[in-house]
C-alpha atoms as a PDB file:
ATOM      1  CA  UNK A   1      74.056 159.259  73.342  1.00  0.00           C
ATOM      2  CA  UNK A   2      77.240 158.859  75.511  1.00  0.00           C
ATOM      3  CA  UNK A   3      77.323 160.195  78.448  1.00  0.00           C
ATOM      4  CA  UNK A   4      79.840 161.174  81.553  1.00  0.00           C
ATOM      5  CA  UNK A   5      77.425 160.658  84.558  1.00  0.00           C
ATOM      6  CA  UNK A   6      78.850 161.965  87.593  1.00  0.00           C
ATOM      7  CA  UNK A   7      75.904 160.227  90.547  1.00  0.00           C
ATOM      8  CA  UNK A   8      76.686 161.395  94.282  1.00  0.00           C
ATOM      9  CA  UNK A   9      75.575 158.785  97.114  1.00  0.00           C
ATOM     10  CA  UNK A  10      76.218 156.126  94.651  1.00  0.00           C
ATOM     11  CA  UNK A  11      76.778 153.661  97.348  1.00  0.00           C
ATOM     12  CA  UNK A  12      73.332 154.444  99.013  1.00  0.00           C
ATOM     13  CA  UNK A  13      70.298 152.020  98.920  1.00  0.00           C
ATOM     14  CA  UNK A  14      68.619 154.231  95.675  1.00  0.00           C
ATOM     15  CA  UNK A  15      72.183 155.554  93.963  1.00  0.00           C
ATOM     16  CA  UNK A  16      73.677 152.174  93.866  1.00  0.00           C
ATOM     17  CA  UNK A  17      70.659 150.389  91.946  1.00  0.00           C
ATOM     18  CA  UNK A  18      70.951 153.617  89.794  1.00  0.00           C
ATOM     19  CA  UNK A  19      74.707 152.616  89.297  1.00  0.00           C
ATOM     20  CA  UNK A  20      73.583 149.305  88.344  1.00  0.00           C
ATOM     21  CA  UNK A  21      70.848 149.891  86.084  1.00  0.00           C
ATOM     22  CA  UNK A  22      73.534 152.513  84.336  1.00  0.00           C
ATOM     23  CA  UNK A  23      76.065 149.603  83.400  1.00  0.00           C
ATOM     24  CA  UNK A  24      74.058 147.139  82.581  1.00  0.00           C
ATOM     25  CA  UNK A  25      71.788 149.317  80.312  1.00  0.00           C
ATOM     26  CA  UNK A  26      73.361 152.258  78.619  1.00  0.00           C
ATOM     27  CA  UNK A  27      77.316 150.327  77.929  1.00  0.00           C
ATOM     28  CA  UNK A  28      78.614 153.823  76.460  1.00  0.00           C
ATOM     29  CA  UNK A  29      77.961 155.811  79.514  1.00  0.00           C
ATOM     30  CA  UNK A  30      80.389 156.703  81.659  1.00  0.00           C
ATOM     31  CA  UNK A  31      79.727 156.277  86.004  1.00  0.00           C
ATOM     32  CA  UNK A  32      81.928 158.490  88.281  1.00  0.00           C
ATOM     33  CA  UNK A  33      80.129 157.093  91.694  1.00  0.00           C
ATOM     34  CA  UNK A  34      80.892 160.287  94.371  1.00  0.00           C
ATOM     35  CA  UNK A  35      79.917 159.250  98.041  1.00  0.00           C
ATOM     36  CA  UNK A  36      80.936 159.912 101.339  1.00  0.00           C
ATOM     37  CA  UNK A  37      80.425 156.614 102.679  1.00  0.00           C
ATOM     38  CA  UNK A  38      79.011 157.743 106.033  1.00  0.00           C
ATOM     39  CA  UNK A  39      76.974 154.718 108.148  1.00  0.00           C
ATOM     40  CA  UNK A  40      74.594 154.623 104.809  1.00  0.00           C
ATOM     41  CA  UNK A  41      76.905 154.102 102.082  1.00  0.00           C
ATOM     42  CA  UNK A  42      77.743 150.700 101.406  1.00  0.00           C
ATOM     43  CA  UNK A  43      80.511 150.569  99.076  1.00  0.00           C
ATOM     44  CA  UNK A  44      80.043 146.556  98.958  1.00  0.00           C
ATOM     45  CA  UNK A  45      76.640 146.665  97.399  1.00  0.00           C
ATOM     46  CA  UNK A  46      78.452 147.757  94.345  1.00  0.00           C
ATOM     47  CA  UNK A  47      81.687 145.152  94.911  1.00  0.00           C
ATOM     48  CA  UNK A  48      81.037 142.852  91.681  1.00  0.00           C
ATOM     49  CA  UNK A  49      81.484 146.326  89.287  1.00  0.00           C
ATOM     50  CA  UNK A  50      85.114 147.534  90.918  1.00  0.00           C
ATOM     51  CA  UNK A  51      86.927 146.550  87.842  1.00  0.00           C
ATOM     52  CA  UNK A  52      84.029 147.417  85.381  1.00  0.00           C
ATOM     53  CA  UNK A  53      85.409 149.623  82.923  1.00  0.00           C
ATOM     54  CA  UNK A  54      83.127 152.865  82.402  1.00  0.00           C
ATOM     55  CA  UNK A  55      82.552 152.874  86.517  1.00  0.00           C
ATOM     56  CA  UNK A  56      84.707 154.826  88.758  1.00  0.00           C
ATOM     57  CA  UNK A  57      84.090 154.723  92.279  1.00  0.00           C
ATOM     58  CA  UNK A  58      85.583 158.677  94.237  1.00  0.00           C
ATOM     59  CA  UNK A  59      85.194 158.726  98.010  1.00  0.00           C
ATOM     60  CA  UNK A  60      84.486 162.477  99.091  1.00  0.00           C
ATOM     61  CA  UNK A  61      82.006 165.128 100.206  1.00  0.00           C
ATOM     62  CA  UNK A  62      79.735 166.888  98.097  1.00  0.00           C
ATOM     63  CA  UNK A  63      81.041 170.074 100.409  1.00  0.00           C
ATOM     64  CA  UNK A  64      84.264 169.968  99.340  1.00  0.00           C
ATOM     65  CA  UNK A  65      84.129 172.430  96.262  1.00  0.00           C
ATOM     66  CA  UNK A  66      88.008 171.765  95.568  1.00  0.00           C
ATOM     67  CA  UNK A  67      86.987 167.861  95.336  1.00  0.00           C
ATOM     68  CA  UNK A  68      84.109 168.570  92.631  1.00  0.00           C
ATOM     69  CA  UNK A  69      85.890 171.054  90.495  1.00  0.00           C
ATOM     70  CA  UNK A  70      88.684 168.951  89.909  1.00  0.00           C
ATOM     71  CA  UNK A  71      86.363 165.873  88.947  1.00  0.00           C
ATOM     72  CA  UNK A  72      84.083 168.422  86.418  1.00  0.00           C
ATOM     73  CA  UNK A  73      87.176 169.022  85.110  1.00  0.00           C
ATOM     74  CA  UNK A  74      89.195 166.050  84.775  1.00  0.00           C
ATOM     75  CA  UNK A  75      86.515 163.820  83.968  1.00  0.00           C
ATOM     76  CA  UNK A  76      84.377 165.948  81.735  1.00  0.00           C
ATOM     77  CA  UNK A  77      81.145 165.204  83.363  1.00  0.00           C
ATOM     78  CA  UNK A  78      77.916 166.374  81.512  1.00  0.00           C
ATOM     79  CA  UNK A  79      75.287 165.102  83.618  1.00  0.00           C
ATOM     80  CA  UNK A  80      74.423 165.084  87.673  1.00  0.00           C
ATOM     81  CA  UNK A  81      71.919 162.609  89.319  1.00  0.00           C
ATOM     82  CA  UNK A  82      72.765 163.987  92.367  1.00  0.00           C
ATOM     83  CA  UNK A  83      71.119 161.135  94.811  1.00  0.00           C
ATOM     84  CA  UNK A  84      73.394 162.323  97.788  1.00  0.00           C
ATOM     85  CA  UNK A  85      71.337 163.119 100.569  1.00  0.00           C
ATOM     86  CA  UNK A  86      70.571 162.779 104.633  1.00  0.00           C
ATOM     87  CA  UNK A  87      67.551 160.880 104.489  1.00  0.00           C
ATOM     88  CA  UNK A  88      66.010 159.300 107.556  1.00  0.00           C
ATOM     89  CA  UNK A  89      63.501 161.418 109.156  1.00  0.00           C
ATOM     90  CA  UNK A  90      63.750 160.037 112.729  1.00  0.00           C
ATOM     91  CA  UNK A  91      67.902 160.738 112.907  1.00  0.00           C
ATOM     92  CA  UNK A  92      66.991 164.313 111.272  1.00  0.00           C
ATOM     93  CA  UNK A  93      64.684 164.884 114.276  1.00  0.00           C
ATOM     94  CA  UNK A  94      67.407 164.067 117.037  1.00  0.00           C
ATOM     95  CA  UNK A  95      70.271 165.412 114.722  1.00  0.00           C
ATOM     96  CA  UNK A  96      69.411 167.898 111.892  1.00  0.00           C
ATOM     97  CA  UNK A  97      72.496 169.931 111.556  1.00  0.00           C
ATOM     98  CA  UNK A  98      74.312 167.139 109.334  1.00  0.00           C
ATOM     99  CA  UNK A  99      70.917 167.341 107.414  1.00  0.00           C
ATOM    100  CA  UNK A 100      71.174 170.997 106.802  1.00  0.00           C
ATOM    101  CA  UNK A 101      75.161 170.836 105.629  1.00  0.00           C
ATOM    102  CA  UNK A 102      74.570 167.671 103.185  1.00  0.00           C
ATOM    103  CA  UNK A 103      71.163 168.160 101.697  1.00  0.00           C
ATOM    104  CA  UNK A 104      71.075 172.310 101.620  1.00  0.00           C
ATOM    105  CA  UNK A 105      75.029 172.950 101.838  1.00  0.00           C
ATOM    106  CA  UNK A 106      76.455 170.472  99.789  1.00  0.00           C
ATOM    107  CA  UNK A 107      73.571 170.521  96.727  1.00  0.00           C
ATOM    108  CA  UNK A 108      74.761 174.315  96.323  1.00  0.00           C
ATOM    109  CA  UNK A 109      78.320 173.067  96.379  1.00  0.00           C
ATOM    110  CA  UNK A 110      77.494 170.423  93.536  1.00  0.00           C
ATOM    111  CA  UNK A 111      75.634 172.997  91.792  1.00  0.00           C
ATOM    112  CA  UNK A 112      78.348 175.455  91.873  1.00  0.00           C
ATOM    113  CA  UNK A 113      81.044 172.958  90.535  1.00  0.00           C
ATOM    114  CA  UNK A 114      78.451 171.852  87.650  1.00  0.00           C
ATOM    115  CA  UNK A 115      77.425 176.150  87.174  1.00  0.00           C
ATOM    116  CA  UNK A 116      81.804 176.713  86.568  1.00  0.00           C
ATOM    117  CA  UNK A 117      82.128 173.671  84.310  1.00  0.00           C
ATOM    118  CA  UNK A 118      79.116 173.948  82.171  1.00  0.00           C
ATOM    119  CA  UNK A 119      78.856 177.757  81.773  1.00  0.00           C
ATOM    120  CA  UNK A 120      80.703 179.894  83.559  1.00  0.00           C
ATOM    121  CA  UNK A 121      84.083 178.289  81.391  1.00  0.00           C
ATOM    122  CA  UNK A 122      82.356 179.181  78.115  1.00  0.00           C
ATOM    123  CA  UNK A 123      81.803 175.701  76.832  1.00  0.00           C
ATOM    124  CA  UNK A 124      78.092 175.184  77.310  1.00  0.00           C
ATOM    125  CA  UNK A 125      76.823 171.920  76.158  1.00  0.00           C
ATOM    126  CA  UNK A 126      73.185 171.821  75.679  1.00  0.00           C
ATOM    127  CA  UNK A 127      72.796 168.196  76.438  1.00  0.00           C
ATOM    128  CA  UNK A 128      74.508 168.974  79.813  1.00  0.00           C
ATOM    129  CA  UNK A 129      72.134 167.859  82.814  1.00  0.00           C
ATOM    130  CA  UNK A 130      71.921 168.082  86.245  1.00  0.00           C
ATOM    131  CA  UNK A 131      68.946 165.997  87.772  1.00  0.00           C
ATOM    132  CA  UNK A 132      67.414 166.586  91.261  1.00  0.00           C
ATOM    133  CA  UNK A 133      66.696 163.446  93.082  1.00  0.00           C
ATOM    134  CA  UNK A 134      63.873 164.423  95.760  1.00  0.00           C
ATOM    135  CA  UNK A 135      61.020 163.130  97.974  1.00  0.00           C
ATOM    136  CA  UNK A 136      56.913 163.491  97.871  1.00  0.00           C
ATOM    137  CA  UNK A 137      57.490 164.621 101.838  1.00  0.00           C
ATOM    138  CA  UNK A 138      58.359 168.563 101.005  1.00  0.00           C
ATOM    139  CA  UNK A 139      54.427 168.367  99.916  1.00  0.00           C
ATOM    140  CA  UNK A 140      53.608 167.438 103.630  1.00  0.00           C
ATOM    141  CA  UNK A 141      50.810 165.196 104.401  1.00  0.00           C
ATOM    142  CA  UNK A 142      47.775 164.484 103.106  1.00  0.00           C
ATOM    143  CA  UNK A 143      44.288 163.952 103.947  1.00  0.00           C
ATOM    144  CA  UNK A 144      42.344 160.752 103.457  1.00  0.00           C
ATOM    145  CA  UNK A 145      41.674 161.859  99.741  1.00  0.00           C
ATOM    146  CA  UNK A 146      43.631 163.498  97.614  1.00  0.00           C
ATOM    147  CA  UNK A 147      47.016 163.206  95.773  1.00  0.00           C
ATOM    148  CA  UNK A 148      50.539 165.273  95.237  1.00  0.00           C
ATOM    149  CA  UNK A 149      51.250 166.536  91.978  1.00  0.00           C
ATOM    150  CA  UNK A 150      53.702 169.044  90.951  1.00  0.00           C
ATOM    151  CA  UNK A 151      51.791 171.674  91.499  1.00  0.00           C
ATOM    152  CA  UNK A 152      51.173 171.204  95.531  1.00  0.00           C
ATOM    153  CA  UNK A 153      52.698 174.001  97.277  1.00  0.00           C
ATOM    154  CA  UNK A 154      55.380 172.863  99.471  1.00  0.00           C
ATOM    155  CA  UNK A 155      54.718 172.822 103.346  1.00  0.00           C
ATOM    156  CA  UNK A 156      57.387 170.080 105.106  1.00  0.00           C
ATOM    157  CA  UNK A 157      56.768 169.116 108.095  1.00  0.00           C
ATOM    158  CA  UNK A 158      60.281 167.211 109.397  1.00  0.00           C
ATOM    159  CA  UNK A 159      64.081 169.216 108.988  1.00  0.00           C
ATOM    160  CA  UNK A 160      64.517 166.195 106.799  1.00  0.00           C
ATOM    161  CA  UNK A 161      61.442 167.350 104.019  1.00  0.00           C
ATOM    162  CA  UNK A 162      62.792 171.179 104.913  1.00  0.00           C
ATOM    163  CA  UNK A 163      66.166 170.469 104.130  1.00  0.00           C
ATOM    164  CA  UNK A 164      64.708 168.894 101.267  1.00  0.00           C
ATOM    165  CA  UNK A 165      62.253 171.467  99.930  1.00  0.00           C
ATOM    166  CA  UNK A 166      65.317 173.475 100.573  1.00  0.00           C
ATOM    167  CA  UNK A 167      67.518 171.521  97.813  1.00  0.00           C
ATOM    168  CA  UNK A 168      65.033 171.881  95.561  1.00  0.00           C
ATOM    169  CA  UNK A 169      63.961 176.185  95.741  1.00  0.00           C
ATOM    170  CA  UNK A 170      67.730 175.771  95.078  1.00  0.00           C
ATOM    171  CA  UNK A 171      67.986 174.129  92.273  1.00  0.00           C
ATOM    172  CA  UNK A 172      65.114 175.608  90.614  1.00  0.00           C
ATOM    173  CA  UNK A 173      67.021 178.670  91.264  1.00  0.00           C
ATOM    174  CA  UNK A 174      69.917 178.221  89.413  1.00  0.00           C
ATOM    175  CA  UNK A 175      67.445 177.149  86.474  1.00  0.00           C
ATOM    176  CA  UNK A 176      65.852 180.329  86.604  1.00  0.00           C
ATOM    177  CA  UNK A 177      68.682 182.789  87.158  1.00  0.00           C
ATOM    178  CA  UNK A 178      71.509 181.460  85.730  1.00  0.00           C
ATOM    179  CA  UNK A 179      70.035 179.351  83.070  1.00  0.00           C
ATOM    180  CA  UNK A 180      71.313 175.816  84.468  1.00  0.00           C
ATOM    181  CA  UNK A 181      69.749 172.635  82.982  1.00  0.00           C
ATOM    182  CA  UNK A 182      68.414 171.083  85.599  1.00  0.00           C
ATOM    183  CA  UNK A 183      65.042 168.794  86.417  1.00  0.00           C
ATOM    184  CA  UNK A 184      63.751 167.183  89.568  1.00  0.00           C
ATOM    185  CA  UNK A 185      62.261 164.517  90.140  1.00  0.00           C
ATOM    186  CA  UNK A 186      60.086 163.982  93.928  1.00  0.00           C
ATOM    187  CA  UNK A 187      59.783 160.010  94.567  1.00  0.00           C
ATOM    188  CA  UNK A 188      57.180 158.510  96.679  1.00  0.00           C
ATOM    189  CA  UNK A 189      58.499 155.703  98.960  1.00  0.00           C
ATOM    190  CA  UNK A 190      61.678 153.895  98.065  1.00  0.00           C
ATOM    191  CA  UNK A 191      61.540 149.637  98.896  1.00  0.00           C
ATOM    192  CA  UNK A 192      64.093 146.802  97.439  1.00  0.00           C
ATOM    193  CA  UNK A 193      67.309 145.650  97.294  1.00  0.00           C
ATOM    194  CA  UNK A 194      70.434 147.363  99.217  1.00  0.00           C
ATOM    195  CA  UNK A 195      68.204 149.667 101.397  1.00  0.00           C
ATOM    196  CA  UNK A 196      69.454 150.014 105.244  1.00  0.00           C
ATOM    197  CA  UNK A 197      68.100 148.077 107.644  1.00  0.00           C
ATOM    198  CA  UNK A 198      66.863 151.275 109.423  1.00  0.00           C
ATOM    199  CA  UNK A 199      63.873 151.265 107.048  1.00  0.00           C
ATOM    200  CA  UNK A 200      60.788 150.176 107.558  1.00  0.00           C
ATOM    201  CA  UNK A 201      60.977 146.610 104.945  1.00  0.00           C
ATOM    202  CA  UNK A 202      63.955 145.755 105.828  1.00  0.00           C
ATOM    203  CA  UNK A 203      63.670 146.530 109.573  1.00  0.00           C
ATOM    204  CA  UNK A 204      60.997 144.121 109.175  1.00  0.00           C
ATOM    205  CA  UNK A 205      62.762 141.593 107.254  1.00  0.00           C
ATOM    206  CA  UNK A 206      66.580 142.007 110.062  1.00  0.00           C
ATOM    207  CA  UNK A 207      64.384 141.356 113.082  1.00  0.00           C
ATOM    208  CA  UNK A 208      61.442 139.042 111.676  1.00  0.00           C
ATOM    209  CA  UNK A 209      64.219 136.566 110.570  1.00  0.00           C
ATOM    210  CA  UNK A 210      65.915 136.542 114.570  1.00  0.00           C
ATOM    211  CA  UNK A 211      62.552 136.929 116.472  1.00  0.00           C
ATOM    212  CA  UNK A 212      62.960 139.975 117.775  1.00  0.00           C
ATOM    213  CA  UNK A 213      59.863 142.733 117.951  1.00  0.00           C
ATOM    214  CA  UNK A 214      58.797 144.476 115.327  1.00  0.00           C
ATOM    215  CA  UNK A 215      58.361 148.237 116.285  1.00  0.00           C
ATOM    216  CA  UNK A 216      55.342 150.160 114.597  1.00  0.00           C
ATOM    217  CA  UNK A 217      54.510 153.673 114.891  1.00  0.00           C
ATOM    218  CA  UNK A 218      50.843 154.798 116.526  1.00  0.00           C
ATOM    219  CA  UNK A 219      48.175 152.955 115.308  1.00  0.00           C
ATOM    220  CA  UNK A 220      49.942 151.990 112.106  1.00  0.00           C
ATOM    221  CA  UNK A 221      47.379 153.275 109.520  1.00  0.00           C
ATOM    222  CA  UNK A 222      50.601 156.514 108.219  1.00  0.00           C
ATOM    223  CA  UNK A 223      50.073 155.662 104.849  1.00  0.00           C
ATOM    224  CA  UNK A 224      52.465 155.871 101.853  1.00  0.00           C
ATOM    225  CA  UNK A 225      52.753 155.038  98.290  1.00  0.00           C
ATOM    226  CA  UNK A 226      55.309 152.348  98.032  1.00  0.00           C
ATOM    227  CA  UNK A 227      57.924 152.341  94.522  1.00  0.00           C
ATOM    228  CA  UNK A 228      59.746 149.329  93.336  1.00  0.00           C
ATOM    229  CA  UNK A 229      63.312 150.590  93.270  1.00  0.00           C
ATOM    230  CA  UNK A 230      64.049 149.380  90.456  1.00  0.00           C
ATOM    231  CA  UNK A 231      61.113 151.442  88.520  1.00  0.00           C
ATOM    232  CA  UNK A 232      62.264 154.992  90.547  1.00  0.00           C
ATOM    233  CA  UNK A 233      65.803 153.960  88.695  1.00  0.00           C
ATOM    234  CA  UNK A 234      63.823 153.972  85.222  1.00  0.00           C
ATOM    235  CA  UNK A 235      62.416 156.377  85.669  1.00  0.00           C
ATOM    236  CA  UNK A 236      64.964 158.778  86.184  1.00  0.00           C
ATOM    237  CA  UNK A 237      67.219 157.056  83.479  1.00  0.00           C
ATOM    238  CA  UNK A 238      64.080 158.606  81.340  1.00  0.00           C
ATOM    239  CA  UNK A 239      63.936 161.891  83.140  1.00  0.00           C
ATOM    240  CA  UNK A 240      67.617 162.977  82.122  1.00  0.00           C
ATOM    241  CA  UNK A 241      66.840 161.815  78.138  1.00  0.00           C
ATOM    242  CA  UNK A 242      63.965 162.875  77.745  1.00  0.00           C
ATOM    243  CA  UNK A 243      62.851 165.546  80.318  1.00  0.00           C
ATOM    244  CA  UNK A 244      61.754 169.338  79.817  1.00  0.00           C
ATOM    245  CA  UNK A 245      64.525 171.611  81.179  1.00  0.00           C
ATOM    246  CA  UNK A 246      63.361 173.198  84.049  1.00  0.00           C
ATOM    247  CA  UNK A 247      60.743 170.901  85.328  1.00  0.00           C
ATOM    248  CA  UNK A 248      59.808 168.138  87.512  1.00  0.00           C
ATOM    249  CA  UNK A 249      58.210 164.999  87.729  1.00  0.00           C
ATOM    250  CA  UNK A 250      56.677 163.165  90.495  1.00  0.00           C
ATOM    251  CA  UNK A 251      57.190 159.292  90.427  1.00  0.00           C
ATOM    252  CA  UNK A 252      55.144 157.408  92.471  1.00  0.00           C
ATOM    253  CA  UNK A 253      54.629 153.349  92.124  1.00  0.00           C
ATOM    254  CA  UNK A 254      50.205 153.592  92.577  1.00  0.00           C
ATOM    255  CA  UNK A 255      50.383 150.992  95.983  1.00  0.00           C
ATOM    256  CA  UNK A 256      49.206 153.143  98.613  1.00  0.00           C
ATOM    257  CA  UNK A 257      49.472 150.425 101.554  1.00  0.00           C
ATOM    258  CA  UNK A 258      49.648 151.799 105.307  1.00  0.00           C
ATOM    259  CA  UNK A 259      52.234 150.831 107.561  1.00  0.00           C
ATOM    260  CA  UNK A 260      50.595 147.886 109.004  1.00  0.00           C
ATOM    261  CA  UNK A 261      49.323 146.489 106.369  1.00  0.00           C
ATOM    262  CA  UNK A 262      52.709 146.235 104.974  1.00  0.00           C
ATOM    263  CA  UNK A 263      54.609 145.254 108.608  1.00  0.00           C
ATOM    264  CA  UNK A 264      51.713 142.016 108.284  1.00  0.00           C
ATOM    265  CA  UNK A 265      52.013 140.982 104.946  1.00  0.00           C
ATOM    266  CA  UNK A 266      56.171 140.821 105.761  1.00  0.00           C
ATOM    267  CA  UNK A 267      55.118 138.632 108.513  1.00  0.00           C
ATOM    268  CA  UNK A 268      52.554 136.320 106.622  1.00  0.00           C
ATOM    269  CA  UNK A 269      55.612 136.082 103.798  1.00  0.00           C
ATOM    270  CA  UNK A 270      58.548 134.943 106.376  1.00  0.00           C
ATOM    271  CA  UNK A 271      55.888 132.723 107.960  1.00  0.00           C
ATOM    272  CA  UNK A 272      55.452 131.150 104.627  1.00  0.00           C
ATOM    273  CA  UNK A 273      58.987 130.792 103.856  1.00  0.00           C
ATOM    274  CA  UNK A 274      60.772 130.180 106.268  1.00  0.00           C
ATOM    275  CA  UNK A 275      57.991 128.417 109.180  1.00  0.00           C
ATOM    276  CA  UNK A 276      56.928 130.460 112.104  1.00  0.00           C
ATOM    277  CA  UNK A 277      58.529 131.501 115.113  1.00  0.00           C
ATOM    278  CA  UNK A 278      60.549 128.648 117.453  1.00  0.00           C
ATOM    279  CA  UNK A 279      60.683 127.014 120.022  1.00  0.00           C
ATOM    280  CA  UNK A 280      57.062 129.536 119.810  1.00  0.00           C
ATOM    281  CA  UNK A 281      55.356 128.483 116.775  1.00  0.00           C
ATOM    282  CA  UNK A 282      53.805 131.282 116.729  1.00  0.00           C
ATOM    283  CA  UNK A 283      53.293 133.888 113.629  1.00  0.00           C
ATOM    284  CA  UNK A 284      55.831 136.576 113.534  1.00  0.00           C
ATOM    285  CA  UNK A 285      52.488 138.692 113.454  1.00  0.00           C
ATOM    286  CA  UNK A 286      52.478 138.600 117.665  1.00  0.00           C
ATOM    287  CA  UNK A 287      55.997 140.194 117.456  1.00  0.00           C
ATOM    288  CA  UNK A 288      54.311 143.203 116.194  1.00  0.00           C
ATOM    289  CA  UNK A 289      54.334 146.340 119.027  1.00  0.00           C
ATOM    290  CA  UNK A 290      53.103 149.927 119.057  1.00  0.00           C
ATOM    291  CA  UNK A 291      55.132 152.676 119.722  1.00  0.00           C
ATOM    292  CA  UNK A 292      55.077 155.918 120.357  1.00  0.00           C
ATOM    293  CA  UNK A 293      54.332 157.838 117.410  1.00  0.00           C
ATOM    294  CA  UNK A 294      57.116 159.217 115.623  1.00  0.00           C
ATOM    295  CA  UNK A 295      57.033 163.719 116.305  1.00  0.00           C
ATOM    296  CA  UNK A 296      55.441 165.521 113.513  1.00  0.00           C
ATOM    297  CA  UNK A 297      54.565 162.118 111.487  1.00  0.00           C
ATOM    298  CA  UNK A 298      52.484 162.966 108.027  1.00  0.00           C
ATOM    299  CA  UNK A 299      49.966 160.279 108.080  1.00  0.00           C
ATOM    300  CA  UNK A 300      49.471 160.498 104.326  1.00  0.00           C
ATOM    301  CA  UNK A 301      51.662 160.512 101.227  1.00  0.00           C
ATOM    302  CA  UNK A 302      50.118 159.435  97.812  1.00  0.00           C
ATOM    303  CA  UNK A 303      51.526 160.632  93.767  1.00  0.00           C
ATOM    304  CA  UNK A 304      50.136 161.700  91.064  1.00  0.00           C
ATOM    305  CA  UNK A 305      52.224 160.755  88.883  1.00  0.00           C
ATOM    306  CA  UNK A 306      50.571 161.924  85.446  1.00  0.00           C
ATOM    307  CA  UNK A 307      53.177 164.090  84.628  1.00  0.00           C
ATOM    308  CA  UNK A 308      55.684 161.542  83.761  1.00  0.00           C
ATOM    309  CA  UNK A 309      53.164 159.125  81.930  1.00  0.00           C
ATOM    310  CA  UNK A 310      51.835 161.819  79.530  1.00  0.00           C
ATOM    311  CA  UNK A 311      54.839 163.527  78.963  1.00  0.00           C
ATOM    312  CA  UNK A 312      57.489 160.638  78.936  1.00  0.00           C
ATOM    313  CA  UNK A 313      55.349 157.924  78.914  1.00  0.00           C
ATOM    314  CA  UNK A 314      56.855 155.827  81.924  1.00  0.00           C
ATOM    315  CA  UNK A 315      54.824 153.933  84.320  1.00  0.00           C
ATOM    316  CA  UNK A 316      56.120 151.452  87.329  1.00  0.00           C
ATOM    317  CA  UNK A 317      56.288 147.992  85.942  1.00  0.00           C
ATOM    318  CA  UNK A 318      56.220 146.628  89.489  1.00  0.00           C
ATOM    319  CA  UNK A 319      52.503 146.283  91.485  1.00  0.00           C
ATOM    320  CA  UNK A 320      53.261 145.875  95.113  1.00  0.00           C
ATOM    321  CA  UNK A 321      53.077 142.185  95.703  1.00  0.00           C
ATOM    322  CA  UNK A 322      55.511 141.899  93.007  1.00  0.00           C
ATOM    323  CA  UNK A 323      58.025 143.913  94.083  1.00  0.00           C
ATOM    324  CA  UNK A 324      58.062 142.769  97.763  1.00  0.00           C
ATOM    325  CA  UNK A 325      58.192 139.399  96.686  1.00  0.00           C
ATOM    326  CA  UNK A 326      61.449 140.204  94.607  1.00  0.00           C
ATOM    327  CA  UNK A 327      62.767 141.878  97.699  1.00  0.00           C
ATOM    328  CA  UNK A 328      62.094 139.394 100.714  1.00  0.00           C
ATOM    329  CA  UNK A 329      63.273 136.557  98.591  1.00  0.00           C
ATOM    330  CA  UNK A 330      66.737 139.507  97.499  1.00  0.00           C
ATOM    331  CA  UNK A 331      67.042 139.901 101.596  1.00  0.00           C
ATOM    332  CA  UNK A 332      66.776 135.930 102.151  1.00  0.00           C
ATOM    333  CA  UNK A 333      69.240 134.847  99.048  1.00  0.00           C
ATOM    334  CA  UNK A 334      71.803 138.094 100.726  1.00  0.00           C
ATOM    335  CA  UNK A 335      71.868 137.415 104.481  1.00  0.00           C
ATOM    336  CA  UNK A 336      75.307 137.949 104.745  1.00  0.00           C
ATOM    337  CA  UNK A 337      74.875 141.577 102.543  1.00  0.00           C
ATOM    338  CA  UNK A 338      72.532 142.188 105.702  1.00  0.00           C
ATOM    339  CA  UNK A 339      74.751 140.597 108.632  1.00  0.00           C
ATOM    340  CA  UNK A 340      77.684 142.442 107.363  1.00  0.00           C
ATOM    341  CA  UNK A 341      75.439 145.882 107.633  1.00  0.00           C
ATOM    342  CA  UNK A 342      74.345 145.154 110.830  1.00  0.00           C
ATOM    343  CA  UNK A 343      77.941 144.369 112.654  1.00  0.00           C
ATOM    344  CA  UNK A 344      79.727 146.816 110.795  1.00  0.00           C
ATOM    345  CA  UNK A 345      81.984 144.821 109.065  1.00  0.00           C
ATOM    346  CA  UNK A 346      80.702 146.378 105.785  1.00  0.00           C
ATOM    347  CA  UNK A 347      83.108 149.240 106.204  1.00  0.00           C
ATOM    348  CA  UNK A 348      85.933 147.194 106.135  1.00  0.00           C
ATOM    349  CA  UNK A 349      85.520 147.047 102.688  1.00  0.00           C
ATOM    350  CA  UNK A 350      86.455 150.233 101.545  1.00  0.00           C
ATOM    351  CA  UNK A 351      90.164 149.652 103.265  1.00  0.00           C
ATOM    352  CA  UNK A 352      90.192 146.163 102.046  1.00  0.00           C
ATOM    353  CA  UNK A 353      89.365 147.302  98.150  1.00  0.00           C
ATOM    354  CA  UNK A 354      91.610 150.971  98.611  1.00  0.00           C
ATOM    355  CA  UNK A 355      94.197 150.490 101.814  1.00  0.00           C
ATOM    356  CA  UNK A 356      93.048 152.908 103.550  1.00  0.00           C
ATOM    357  CA  UNK A 357      90.923 153.157 106.562  1.00  0.00           C
ATOM    358  CA  UNK A 358      87.245 154.647 106.612  1.00  0.00           C
END
């Protein structure tokens, strides 16, 4: 069935991969990409799709009610996939206000726009869907054993995870109170192409290429369930098309690794592909530097993804070894993309394309 999909935050890491997947695999779907183009929004990640007949980019803020209302009416949007969020935990610790604004107020504003167009207008469409993309961090921290399920009580530990938990609750409230056709997904740590290099894997790759220190929090023993971004995007499409309204689905990669293991593997892969560090001749593991642990750093996350498997038939295609090989290869083949992010020139692409300043 043809859809008109509003993708919020479609120039971010996961959003850009999702936009690409839709345009490649759903030729009868129209994609409206709404992105504010904050530091993490990189329009250059979708440069080759700028003239695609089923794609439209709109620069805008999800807190702008008038803009959202006009978009819903003009494009007759019937599906929302809501990625737009401030997502970096460290930034939420030093500056939580923007996380509250974007992740809570922005989600509320988007819900209001969908409610107005889909319910209040009297033109209710049974095929409308509002999918809110969230995180496993809302569940808090696990011990050495156990997994997060959809019934795990929320226990957020950082301003970031608290803001995402709040938005999850808002989305559920709009289902139970108004009957808005919502879905929620809670995913584990994503990795893959187009990820902003403040996150662990692209940060290590960039620093490792330049022979810079590789900072590791605490003892490096914090465990995450790593999910290749292509798997995540395919799971979201499955939930949009087949998920039960009002339900949440956990999406995980079945790949638990601690941070030190990930960093050491990346070091070894760079050594193998590029040779040892010059001029010292040392392996890149020598760059690993343990730094003071993050405030409130959750020890372990792990996802139980049985529900999405049993109900919708989705399981990840990629092991961590397969996904990380594709990821490292992509960054090595696309160093110009990384260089543009590091030096800030990626932000000029918008001005070049649209003749406007950021």
